[in-house]
Amino acid sequence: AAEMPASPAPVMFLKGKLVKVDCTDAGATLTISAGHASWTFSTAERKSLVLIGADSFSCDWHNVPVAVNYRKTGENQGSLLSLELQ
Protein backbone atom coordinates (compact mmCIF):
# COMPACT_ATOMS: atom_id res chain seq x y z
CA ALA A 1 0.00 0.00 0.00
CA ALA A 2 1.24 3.45 -0.86
CA GLU A 3 1.99 5.76 2.04
CA MET A 4 -0.07 8.91 2.29
CA PRO A 5 1.93 12.12 1.86
CA ALA A 6 2.53 14.10 5.05
CA SER A 7 0.58 17.09 3.75
CA PRO A 8 -2.08 16.23 1.19
CA ALA A 9 -2.31 18.42 -1.87
CA PRO A 10 -4.93 21.17 -1.61
CA VAL A 11 -8.39 20.47 -2.96
CA MET A 12 -8.86 22.12 -6.35
CA PHE A 13 -11.89 22.75 -8.55
CA LEU A 14 -12.34 22.43 -12.31
CA LYS A 15 -15.30 22.86 -14.65
CA GLY A 16 -15.26 21.31 -18.07
CA LYS A 17 -16.74 18.69 -20.35
CA LEU A 18 -16.47 15.02 -19.50
CA VAL A 19 -15.14 13.55 -22.74
CA LYS A 20 -14.98 9.89 -21.77
CA VAL A 21 -14.86 7.41 -18.91
CA ASP A 22 -12.57 4.37 -18.81
CA CYS A 23 -13.72 1.98 -16.09
CA THR A 24 -11.36 -0.52 -14.47
CA ASP A 25 -12.33 -3.24 -12.00
CA ALA A 26 -13.46 -0.90 -9.21
CA GLY A 27 -12.05 2.42 -10.34
CA ALA A 28 -12.31 4.75 -13.29
CA THR A 29 -10.30 7.24 -15.30
CA LEU A 30 -12.14 10.30 -16.58
CA THR A 31 -10.95 12.53 -19.42
CA ILE A 32 -12.21 16.09 -19.02
CA SER A 33 -11.73 18.90 -21.50
CA ALA A 34 -11.40 22.37 -19.95
CA GLY A 35 -10.50 25.30 -22.15
CA HIS A 36 -7.61 24.20 -24.37
CA ALA A 37 -6.41 21.53 -21.91
CA SER A 38 -7.33 17.89 -21.53
CA TRP A 39 -7.28 16.59 -17.95
CA THR A 40 -7.17 13.03 -16.66
CA PHE A 41 -8.76 12.25 -13.31
CA SER A 42 -8.80 8.92 -11.55
CA THR A 43 -10.75 7.33 -8.73
CA ALA A 44 -9.81 4.02 -7.15
CA GLU A 45 -13.40 3.30 -6.02
CA ARG A 46 -16.01 4.74 -8.35
CA LYS A 47 -18.86 3.38 -6.19
CA SER A 48 -17.71 5.51 -3.25
CA LEU A 49 -17.04 8.67 -5.28
CA VAL A 50 -19.18 11.64 -4.18
CA LEU A 51 -21.66 12.30 -7.00
CA ILE A 52 -23.81 15.41 -7.40
CA GLY A 53 -26.59 15.46 -9.98
CA ALA A 54 -26.51 11.70 -10.59
CA ASP A 55 -27.78 8.71 -8.64
CA SER A 56 -25.00 6.36 -9.66
CA PHE A 57 -21.74 6.39 -11.58
CA SER A 58 -21.93 5.50 -15.26
CA CYS A 59 -19.05 4.22 -17.39
CA ASP A 60 -21.00 5.42 -20.46
CA TRP A 61 -20.97 9.15 -19.74
CA HIS A 62 -19.52 11.31 -22.51
CA ASN A 63 -19.84 14.95 -23.63
CA VAL A 64 -21.43 15.91 -20.29
CA PRO A 65 -20.74 19.27 -18.59
CA VAL A 66 -19.19 18.54 -15.19
CA ALA A 67 -17.48 20.14 -12.23
CA VAL A 68 -14.93 18.23 -10.17
CA ASN A 69 -13.13 18.61 -6.89
CA TYR A 70 -9.73 16.96 -7.00
CA ARG A 71 -6.19 16.83 -5.69
CA LYS A 72 -3.57 17.46 -8.35
CA THR A 73 -1.25 14.49 -8.88
CA GLY A 74 0.68 15.69 -11.93
CA GLU A 75 0.56 17.85 -15.04
CA ASN A 76 -3.14 18.07 -16.01
CA GLN A 77 -4.04 15.09 -13.85
CA GLY A 78 -5.57 14.53 -10.47
CA SER A 79 -7.28 12.29 -7.99
CA LEU A 80 -11.07 12.76 -7.95
CA LEU A 81 -12.85 13.70 -4.74
CA SER A 82 -16.26 14.55 -6.18
CA LEU A 83 -18.01 14.75 -9.53
CA GLU A 84 -20.96 17.03 -10.31
CA LEU A 85 -23.00 16.59 -13.47
CA GLN A 86 -24.39 19.91 -14.63
PDB file of N, CA and C in Angstrom:
ATOM      1  N   ALA A   1       0.850  -1.199   0.000  1.00  0.00           N
ATOM      2  CA  ALA A   1       0.000   0.000   0.000  1.00  0.00           C
ATOM      3  C   ALA A   1       0.877   1.237   0.000  1.00  0.00           C
ATOM      4  N   ALA A   2       0.480   2.202  -0.783  1.00  0.00           N
ATOM      5  CA  ALA A   2       1.243   3.450  -0.864  1.00  0.00           C
ATOM      6  C   ALA A   2       1.044   4.261   0.408  1.00  0.00           C
ATOM      7  N   GLU A   3       2.094   4.918   0.857  1.00  0.00           N
ATOM      8  CA  GLU A   3       1.989   5.764   2.037  1.00  0.00           C
ATOM      9  C   GLU A   3       1.351   7.088   1.643  1.00  0.00           C
ATOM     10  N   MET A   4       0.537   7.610   2.551  1.00  0.00           N
ATOM     11  CA  MET A   4      -0.073   8.908   2.293  1.00  0.00           C
ATOM     12  C   MET A   4       0.980   9.992   2.504  1.00  0.00           C
ATOM     13  N   PRO A   5       0.979  11.024   1.644  1.00  0.00           N
ATOM     14  CA  PRO A   5       1.929  12.118   1.858  1.00  0.00           C
ATOM     15  C   PRO A   5       1.640  12.833   3.170  1.00  0.00           C
ATOM     16  N   ALA A   6       2.671  13.434   3.760  1.00  0.00           N
ATOM     17  CA  ALA A   6       2.528  14.096   5.050  1.00  0.00           C
ATOM     18  C   ALA A   6       1.493  15.220   4.968  1.00  0.00           C
ATOM     19  N   SER A   7       1.576  16.037   3.930  1.00  0.00           N
ATOM     20  CA  SER A   7       0.581  17.087   3.754  1.00  0.00           C
ATOM     21  C   SER A   7      -0.113  16.871   2.418  1.00  0.00           C
ATOM     22  N   PRO A   8      -1.392  16.498   2.454  1.00  0.00           N
ATOM     23  CA  PRO A   8      -2.081  16.233   1.188  1.00  0.00           C
ATOM     24  C   PRO A   8      -2.154  17.498   0.336  1.00  0.00           C
ATOM     25  N   ALA A   9      -2.195  17.294  -0.960  1.00  0.00           N
ATOM     26  CA  ALA A   9      -2.310  18.422  -1.870  1.00  0.00           C
ATOM     27  C   ALA A   9      -3.629  19.139  -1.609  1.00  0.00           C
ATOM     28  N   PRO A  10      -3.678  20.453  -1.838  1.00  0.00           N
ATOM     29  CA  PRO A  10      -4.927  21.174  -1.606  1.00  0.00           C
ATOM     30  C   PRO A  10      -6.015  20.711  -2.566  1.00  0.00           C
ATOM     31  N   VAL A  11      -7.257  20.819  -2.113  1.00  0.00           N
ATOM     32  CA  VAL A  11      -8.391  20.467  -2.956  1.00  0.00           C
ATOM     33  C   VAL A  11      -8.580  21.565  -3.995  1.00  0.00           C
ATOM     34  N   MET A  12      -8.697  21.177  -5.256  1.00  0.00           N
ATOM     35  CA  MET A  12      -8.864  22.124  -6.345  1.00  0.00           C
ATOM     36  C   MET A  12     -10.171  21.841  -7.068  1.00  0.00           C
ATOM     37  N   PHE A  13     -10.593  22.809  -7.899  1.00  0.00           N
ATOM     38  CA  PHE A  13     -11.895  22.754  -8.554  1.00  0.00           C
ATOM     39  C   PHE A  13     -11.702  22.996 -10.043  1.00  0.00           C
ATOM     40  N   LEU A  14     -12.433  22.256 -10.857  1.00  0.00           N
ATOM     41  CA  LEU A  14     -12.344  22.429 -12.306  1.00  0.00           C
ATOM     42  C   LEU A  14     -13.721  22.204 -12.924  1.00  0.00           C
ATOM     43  N   LYS A  15     -14.081  23.074 -13.861  1.00  0.00           N
ATOM     44  CA  LYS A  15     -15.304  22.864 -14.646  1.00  0.00           C
ATOM     45  C   LYS A  15     -14.894  22.580 -16.080  1.00  0.00           C
ATOM     46  N   GLY A  16     -15.583  21.628 -16.695  1.00  0.00           N
ATOM     47  CA  GLY A  16     -15.260  21.312 -18.070  1.00  0.00           C
ATOM     48  C   GLY A  16     -16.274  20.353 -18.642  1.00  0.00           C
ATOM     49  N   LYS A  17     -15.863  19.669 -19.701  1.00  0.00           N
ATOM     50  CA  LYS A  17     -16.737  18.689 -20.349  1.00  0.00           C
ATOM     51  C   LYS A  17     -16.126  17.308 -20.192  1.00  0.00           C
ATOM     52  N   LEU A  18     -16.917  16.401 -19.651  1.00  0.00           N
ATOM     53  CA  LEU A  18     -16.474  15.016 -19.495  1.00  0.00           C
ATOM     54  C   LEU A  18     -16.475  14.372 -20.876  1.00  0.00           C
ATOM     55  N   VAL A  19     -15.281  14.080 -21.388  1.00  0.00           N
ATOM     56  CA  VAL A  19     -15.141  13.550 -22.744  1.00  0.00           C
ATOM     57  C   VAL A  19     -15.404  12.050 -22.768  1.00  0.00           C
ATOM     58  N   LYS A  20     -14.783  11.334 -21.805  1.00  0.00           N
ATOM     59  CA  LYS A  20     -14.981   9.888 -21.773  1.00  0.00           C
ATOM     60  C   LYS A  20     -14.619   9.335 -20.408  1.00  0.00           C
ATOM     61  N   VAL A  21     -15.128   8.132 -20.150  1.00  0.00           N
ATOM     62  CA  VAL A  21     -14.859   7.414 -18.910  1.00  0.00           C
ATOM     63  C   VAL A  21     -14.280   6.056 -19.268  1.00  0.00           C
ATOM     64  N   ASP A  22     -13.143   5.714 -18.660  1.00  0.00           N
ATOM     65  CA  ASP A  22     -12.573   4.369 -18.809  1.00  0.00           C
ATOM     66  C   ASP A  22     -12.677   3.684 -17.456  1.00  0.00           C
ATOM     67  N   CYS A  23     -13.549   2.675 -17.359  1.00  0.00           N
ATOM     68  CA  CYS A  23     -13.722   1.976 -16.089  1.00  0.00           C
ATOM     69  C   CYS A  23     -12.750   0.802 -15.984  1.00  0.00           C
ATOM     70  N   THR A  24     -12.174   0.654 -14.788  1.00  0.00           N
ATOM     71  CA  THR A  24     -11.358  -0.516 -14.472  1.00  0.00           C
ATOM     72  C   THR A  24     -12.194  -1.397 -13.553  1.00  0.00           C
ATOM     73  N   ASP A  25     -11.575  -2.333 -12.865  1.00  0.00           N
ATOM     74  CA  ASP A  25     -12.329  -3.243 -11.997  1.00  0.00           C
ATOM     75  C   ASP A  25     -13.247  -2.468 -11.055  1.00  0.00           C
ATOM     76  N   ALA A  26     -12.654  -1.662 -10.169  1.00  0.00           N
ATOM     77  CA  ALA A  26     -13.456  -0.903  -9.206  1.00  0.00           C
ATOM     78  C   ALA A  26     -13.347   0.591  -9.448  1.00  0.00           C
ATOM     79  N   GLY A  27     -12.314   0.999 -10.162  1.00  0.00           N
ATOM     80  CA  GLY A  27     -12.050   2.420 -10.340  1.00  0.00           C
ATOM     81  C   GLY A  27     -12.448   2.928 -11.705  1.00  0.00           C
ATOM     82  N   ALA A  28     -12.016   4.150 -11.995  1.00  0.00           N
ATOM     83  CA  ALA A  28     -12.312   4.747 -13.289  1.00  0.00           C
ATOM     84  C   ALA A  28     -11.330   5.869 -13.564  1.00  0.00           C
ATOM     85  N   THR A  29     -11.093   6.106 -14.851  1.00  0.00           N
ATOM     86  CA  THR A  29     -10.305   7.241 -15.299  1.00  0.00           C
ATOM     87  C   THR A  29     -11.201   8.098 -16.177  1.00  0.00           C
ATOM     88  N   LEU A  30     -11.283   9.389 -15.848  1.00  0.00           N
ATOM     89  CA  LEU A  30     -12.140  10.302 -16.578  1.00  0.00           C
ATOM     90  C   LEU A  30     -11.278  11.286 -17.355  1.00  0.00           C
ATOM     91  N   THR A  31     -11.617  11.518 -18.609  1.00  0.00           N
ATOM     92  CA  THR A  31     -10.952  12.530 -19.420  1.00  0.00           C
ATOM     93  C   THR A  31     -11.883  13.723 -19.508  1.00  0.00           C
ATOM     94  N   ILE A  32     -11.398  14.881 -19.052  1.00  0.00           N
ATOM     95  CA  ILE A  32     -12.208  16.092 -19.016  1.00  0.00           C
ATOM     96  C   ILE A  32     -11.506  17.190 -19.791  1.00  0.00           C
ATOM     97  N   SER A  33     -12.231  17.797 -20.702  1.00  0.00           N
ATOM     98  CA  SER A  33     -11.726  18.898 -21.501  1.00  0.00           C
ATOM     99  C   SER A  33     -12.122  20.205 -20.834  1.00  0.00           C
ATOM    100  N   ALA A  34     -11.130  21.066 -20.572  1.00  0.00           N
ATOM    101  CA  ALA A  34     -11.396  22.370 -19.951  1.00  0.00           C
ATOM    102  C   ALA A  34     -10.561  23.412 -20.685  1.00  0.00           C
ATOM    103  N   GLY A  35     -11.231  24.320 -21.363  1.00  0.00           N
ATOM    104  CA  GLY A  35     -10.501  25.297 -22.152  1.00  0.00           C
ATOM    105  C   GLY A  35      -9.733  24.582 -23.250  1.00  0.00           C
ATOM    106  N   HIS A  36      -8.429  24.845 -23.344  1.00  0.00           N
ATOM    107  CA  HIS A  36      -7.606  24.196 -24.366  1.00  0.00           C
ATOM    108  C   HIS A  36      -6.881  22.969 -23.816  1.00  0.00           C
ATOM    109  N   ALA A  37      -7.139  22.628 -22.553  1.00  0.00           N
ATOM    110  CA  ALA A  37      -6.415  21.529 -21.914  1.00  0.00           C
ATOM    111  C   ALA A  37      -7.300  20.304 -21.777  1.00  0.00           C
ATOM    112  N   SER A  38      -6.660  19.152 -21.798  1.00  0.00           N
ATOM    113  CA  SER A  38      -7.330  17.893 -21.530  1.00  0.00           C
ATOM    114  C   SER A  38      -6.784  17.362 -20.212  1.00  0.00           C
ATOM    115  N   TRP A  39      -7.660  17.056 -19.284  1.00  0.00           N
ATOM    116  CA  TRP A  39      -7.279  16.587 -17.952  1.00  0.00           C
ATOM    117  C   TRP A  39      -7.657  15.123 -17.789  1.00  0.00           C
ATOM    118  N   THR A  40      -6.874  14.417 -16.993  1.00  0.00           N
ATOM    119  CA  THR A  40      -7.166  13.027 -16.664  1.00  0.00           C
ATOM    120  C   THR A  40      -7.333  12.922 -15.153  1.00  0.00           C
ATOM    121  N   PHE A  41      -8.480  12.420 -14.733  1.00  0.00           N
ATOM    122  CA  PHE A  41      -8.756  12.254 -13.311  1.00  0.00           C
ATOM    123  C   PHE A  41      -9.043  10.792 -13.030  1.00  0.00           C
ATOM    124  N   SER A  42      -8.579  10.327 -11.880  1.00  0.00           N
ATOM    125  CA  SER A  42      -8.800   8.921 -11.546  1.00  0.00           C
ATOM    126  C   SER A  42      -9.460   8.795 -10.180  1.00  0.00           C
ATOM    127  N   THR A  43     -10.197   7.712 -10.023  1.00  0.00           N
ATOM    128  CA  THR A  43     -10.748   7.327  -8.734  1.00  0.00           C
ATOM    129  C   THR A  43     -10.523   5.831  -8.575  1.00  0.00           C
ATOM    130  N   ALA A  44     -10.089   5.434  -7.399  1.00  0.00           N
ATOM    131  CA  ALA A  44      -9.812   4.017  -7.152  1.00  0.00           C
ATOM    132  C   ALA A  44     -11.120   3.249  -6.910  1.00  0.00           C
ATOM    133  N   GLU A  45     -12.117   3.937  -6.363  1.00  0.00           N
ATOM    134  CA  GLU A  45     -13.395   3.301  -6.023  1.00  0.00           C
ATOM    135  C   GLU A  45     -14.523   4.156  -6.560  1.00  0.00           C
ATOM    136  N   ARG A  46     -14.978   3.878  -7.770  1.00  0.00           N
ATOM    137  CA  ARG A  46     -16.011   4.744  -8.346  1.00  0.00           C
ATOM    138  C   ARG A  46     -17.337   4.640  -7.604  1.00  0.00           C
ATOM    139  N   LYS A  47     -17.606   3.506  -6.930  1.00  0.00           N
ATOM    140  CA  LYS A  47     -18.864   3.376  -6.193  1.00  0.00           C
ATOM    141  C   LYS A  47     -18.899   4.268  -4.961  1.00  0.00           C
ATOM    142  N   SER A  48     -17.731   4.656  -4.447  1.00  0.00           N
ATOM    143  CA  SER A  48     -17.709   5.507  -3.251  1.00  0.00           C
ATOM    144  C   SER A  48     -17.408   6.966  -3.590  1.00  0.00           C
ATOM    145  N   LEU A  49     -17.284   7.294  -4.872  1.00  0.00           N
ATOM    146  CA  LEU A  49     -17.043   8.673  -5.280  1.00  0.00           C
ATOM    147  C   LEU A  49     -18.283   9.515  -4.980  1.00  0.00           C
ATOM    148  N   VAL A  50     -18.064  10.729  -4.446  1.00  0.00           N
ATOM    149  CA  VAL A  50     -19.178  11.635  -4.178  1.00  0.00           C
ATOM    150  C   VAL A  50     -19.723  12.150  -5.510  1.00  0.00           C
ATOM    151  N   LEU A  51     -21.006  11.867  -5.768  1.00  0.00           N
ATOM    152  CA  LEU A  51     -21.663  12.296  -7.002  1.00  0.00           C
ATOM    153  C   LEU A  51     -22.718  13.340  -6.685  1.00  0.00           C
ATOM    154  N   ILE A  52     -22.781  14.388  -7.519  1.00  0.00           N
ATOM    155  CA  ILE A  52     -23.813  15.407  -7.398  1.00  0.00           C
ATOM    156  C   ILE A  52     -24.522  15.475  -8.748  1.00  0.00           C
ATOM    157  N   GLY A  53     -25.837  15.384  -8.738  1.00  0.00           N
ATOM    158  CA  GLY A  53     -26.592  15.465  -9.978  1.00  0.00           C
ATOM    159  C   GLY A  53     -26.745  14.134 -10.694  1.00  0.00           C
ATOM    160  N   ALA A  54     -26.344  13.044 -10.029  1.00  0.00           N
ATOM    161  CA  ALA A  54     -26.507  11.702 -10.592  1.00  0.00           C
ATOM    162  C   ALA A  54     -26.699  10.717  -9.443  1.00  0.00           C
ATOM    163  N   ASP A  55     -27.524   9.703  -9.685  1.00  0.00           N
ATOM    164  CA  ASP A  55     -27.781   8.707  -8.638  1.00  0.00           C
ATOM    165  C   ASP A  55     -26.665   7.687  -8.535  1.00  0.00           C
ATOM    166  N   SER A  56     -26.071   7.349  -9.680  1.00  0.00           N
ATOM    167  CA  SER A  56     -25.001   6.359  -9.661  1.00  0.00           C
ATOM    168  C   SER A  56     -24.016   6.652 -10.788  1.00  0.00           C
ATOM    169  N   PHE A  57     -22.810   6.157 -10.609  1.00  0.00           N
ATOM    170  CA  PHE A  57     -21.740   6.386 -11.578  1.00  0.00           C
ATOM    171  C   PHE A  57     -22.018   5.595 -12.855  1.00  0.00           C
ATOM    172  N   SER A  58     -21.754   6.203 -13.995  1.00  0.00           N
ATOM    173  CA  SER A  58     -21.930   5.504 -15.264  1.00  0.00           C
ATOM    174  C   SER A  58     -20.627   5.492 -16.054  1.00  0.00           C
ATOM    175  N   CYS A  59     -20.255   4.337 -16.553  1.00  0.00           N
ATOM    176  CA  CYS A  59     -19.054   4.217 -17.388  1.00  0.00           C
ATOM    177  C   CYS A  59     -19.344   4.679 -18.816  1.00  0.00           C
ATOM    178  N   ASP A  60     -20.603   5.034 -19.108  1.00  0.00           N
ATOM    179  CA  ASP A  60     -20.998   5.416 -20.461  1.00  0.00           C
ATOM    180  C   ASP A  60     -21.132   6.925 -20.644  1.00  0.00           C
ATOM    181  N   TRP A  61     -20.864   7.702 -19.597  1.00  0.00           N
ATOM    182  CA  TRP A  61     -20.972   9.147 -19.739  1.00  0.00           C
ATOM    183  C   TRP A  61     -19.980   9.665 -20.777  1.00  0.00           C
ATOM    184  N   HIS A  62     -20.429  10.586 -21.616  1.00  0.00           N
ATOM    185  CA  HIS A  62     -19.523  11.315 -22.505  1.00  0.00           C
ATOM    186  C   HIS A  62     -20.195  12.601 -22.968  1.00  0.00           C
ATOM    187  N   ASN A  63     -19.360  13.621 -23.223  1.00  0.00           N
ATOM    188  CA  ASN A  63     -19.838  14.949 -23.625  1.00  0.00           C
ATOM    189  C   ASN A  63     -20.856  15.518 -22.644  1.00  0.00           C
ATOM    190  N   VAL A  64     -20.555  15.397 -21.342  1.00  0.00           N
ATOM    191  CA  VAL A  64     -21.425  15.908 -20.285  1.00  0.00           C
ATOM    192  C   VAL A  64     -20.705  17.059 -19.583  1.00  0.00           C
ATOM    193  N   PRO A  65     -21.361  18.204 -19.384  1.00  0.00           N
ATOM    194  CA  PRO A  65     -20.738  19.269 -18.593  1.00  0.00           C
ATOM    195  C   PRO A  65     -20.618  18.824 -17.131  1.00  0.00           C
ATOM    196  N   VAL A  66     -19.436  18.986 -16.557  1.00  0.00           N
ATOM    197  CA  VAL A  66     -19.185  18.536 -15.190  1.00  0.00           C
ATOM    198  C   VAL A  66     -18.359  19.571 -14.427  1.00  0.00           C
ATOM    199  N   ALA A  67     -18.385  19.423 -13.113  1.00  0.00           N
ATOM    200  CA  ALA A  67     -17.481  20.145 -12.227  1.00  0.00           C
ATOM    201  C   ALA A  67     -16.880  19.108 -11.286  1.00  0.00           C
ATOM    202  N   VAL A  68     -15.585  19.207 -11.037  1.00  0.00           N
ATOM    203  CA  VAL A  68     -14.930  18.227 -10.175  1.00  0.00           C
ATOM    204  C   VAL A  68     -14.129  18.917  -9.084  1.00  0.00           C
ATOM    205  N   ASN A  69     -14.079  18.270  -7.936  1.00  0.00           N
ATOM    206  CA  ASN A  69     -13.130  18.610  -6.889  1.00  0.00           C
ATOM    207  C   ASN A  69     -12.073  17.527  -6.916  1.00  0.00           C
ATOM    208  N   TYR A  70     -10.806  17.932  -6.841  1.00  0.00           N
ATOM    209  CA  TYR A  70      -9.732  16.956  -7.004  1.00  0.00           C
ATOM    210  C   TYR A  70      -8.471  17.428  -6.294  1.00  0.00           C
ATOM    211  N   ARG A  71      -7.546  16.502  -6.149  1.00  0.00           N
ATOM    212  CA  ARG A  71      -6.192  16.832  -5.694  1.00  0.00           C
ATOM    213  C   ARG A  71      -5.267  16.579  -6.865  1.00  0.00           C
ATOM    214  N   LYS A  72      -4.463  17.566  -7.200  1.00  0.00           N
ATOM    215  CA  LYS A  72      -3.565  17.460  -8.348  1.00  0.00           C
ATOM    216  C   LYS A  72      -2.492  16.407  -8.069  1.00  0.00           C
ATOM    217  N   THR A  73      -2.274  15.522  -9.044  1.00  0.00           N
ATOM    218  CA  THR A  73      -1.248  14.485  -8.881  1.00  0.00           C
ATOM    219  C   THR A  73      -0.136  14.633  -9.919  1.00  0.00           C
ATOM    220  N   GLY A  74      -0.339  15.512 -10.895  1.00  0.00           N
ATOM    221  CA  GLY A  74       0.675  15.690 -11.930  1.00  0.00           C
ATOM    222  C   GLY A  74       0.209  16.743 -12.912  1.00  0.00           C
ATOM    223  N   GLU A  75       0.922  16.871 -14.012  1.00  0.00           N
ATOM    224  CA  GLU A  75       0.557  17.847 -15.037  1.00  0.00           C
ATOM    225  C   GLU A  75      -0.782  17.471 -15.675  1.00  0.00           C
ATOM    226  N   ASN A  76      -1.793  18.312 -15.453  1.00  0.00           N
ATOM    227  CA  ASN A  76      -3.136  18.066 -16.008  1.00  0.00           C
ATOM    228  C   ASN A  76      -3.706  16.715 -15.593  1.00  0.00           C
ATOM    229  N   GLN A  77      -3.406  16.304 -14.364  1.00  0.00           N
ATOM    230  CA  GLN A  77      -4.037  15.089 -13.854  1.00  0.00           C
ATOM    231  C   GLN A  77      -4.254  15.200 -12.355  1.00  0.00           C
ATOM    232  N   GLY A  78      -5.245  14.434 -11.890  1.00  0.00           N
ATOM    233  CA  GLY A  78      -5.569  14.526 -10.475  1.00  0.00           C
ATOM    234  C   GLY A  78      -6.347  13.334  -9.984  1.00  0.00           C
ATOM    235  N   SER A  79      -6.518  13.326  -8.672  1.00  0.00           N
ATOM    236  CA  SER A  79      -7.284  12.288  -7.994  1.00  0.00           C
ATOM    237  C   SER A  79      -8.653  12.872  -7.648  1.00  0.00           C
ATOM    238  N   LEU A  80      -9.720  12.238  -8.128  1.00  0.00           N
ATOM    239  CA  LEU A  80     -11.074  12.762  -7.954  1.00  0.00           C
ATOM    240  C   LEU A  80     -11.544  12.660  -6.516  1.00  0.00           C
ATOM    241  N   LEU A  81     -12.189  13.726  -6.041  1.00  0.00           N
ATOM    242  CA  LEU A  81     -12.849  13.705  -4.743  1.00  0.00           C
ATOM    243  C   LEU A  81     -14.359  13.734  -4.918  1.00  0.00           C
ATOM    244  N   SER A  82     -14.826  14.521  -5.892  1.00  0.00           N
ATOM    245  CA  SER A  82     -16.262  14.554  -6.184  1.00  0.00           C
ATOM    246  C   SER A  82     -16.487  14.912  -7.629  1.00  0.00           C
ATOM    247  N   LEU A  83     -17.641  14.515  -8.140  1.00  0.00           N
ATOM    248  CA  LEU A  83     -18.011  14.748  -9.535  1.00  0.00           C
ATOM    249  C   LEU A  83     -19.437  15.274  -9.559  1.00  0.00           C
ATOM    250  N   GLU A  84     -19.625  16.442 -10.174  1.00  0.00           N
ATOM    251  CA  GLU A  84     -20.958  17.029 -10.306  1.00  0.00           C
ATOM    252  C   GLU A  84     -21.329  17.090 -11.778  1.00  0.00           C
ATOM    253  N   LEU A  85     -22.464  16.480 -12.122  1.00  0.00           N
ATOM    254  CA  LEU A  85     -23.000  16.592 -13.472  1.00  0.00           C
ATOM    255  C   LEU A  85     -23.880  17.814 -13.541  1.00  0.00           C
ATOM    256  N   GLN A  86     -23.682  18.635 -14.565  1.00  0.00           N
ATOM    257  CA  GLN A  86     -24.386  19.912 -14.632  1.00  0.00           C
ATOM    258  C   GLN A  86     -25.414  19.945 -15.735  1.00  0.00           C
TER     259      GLN A  86
END
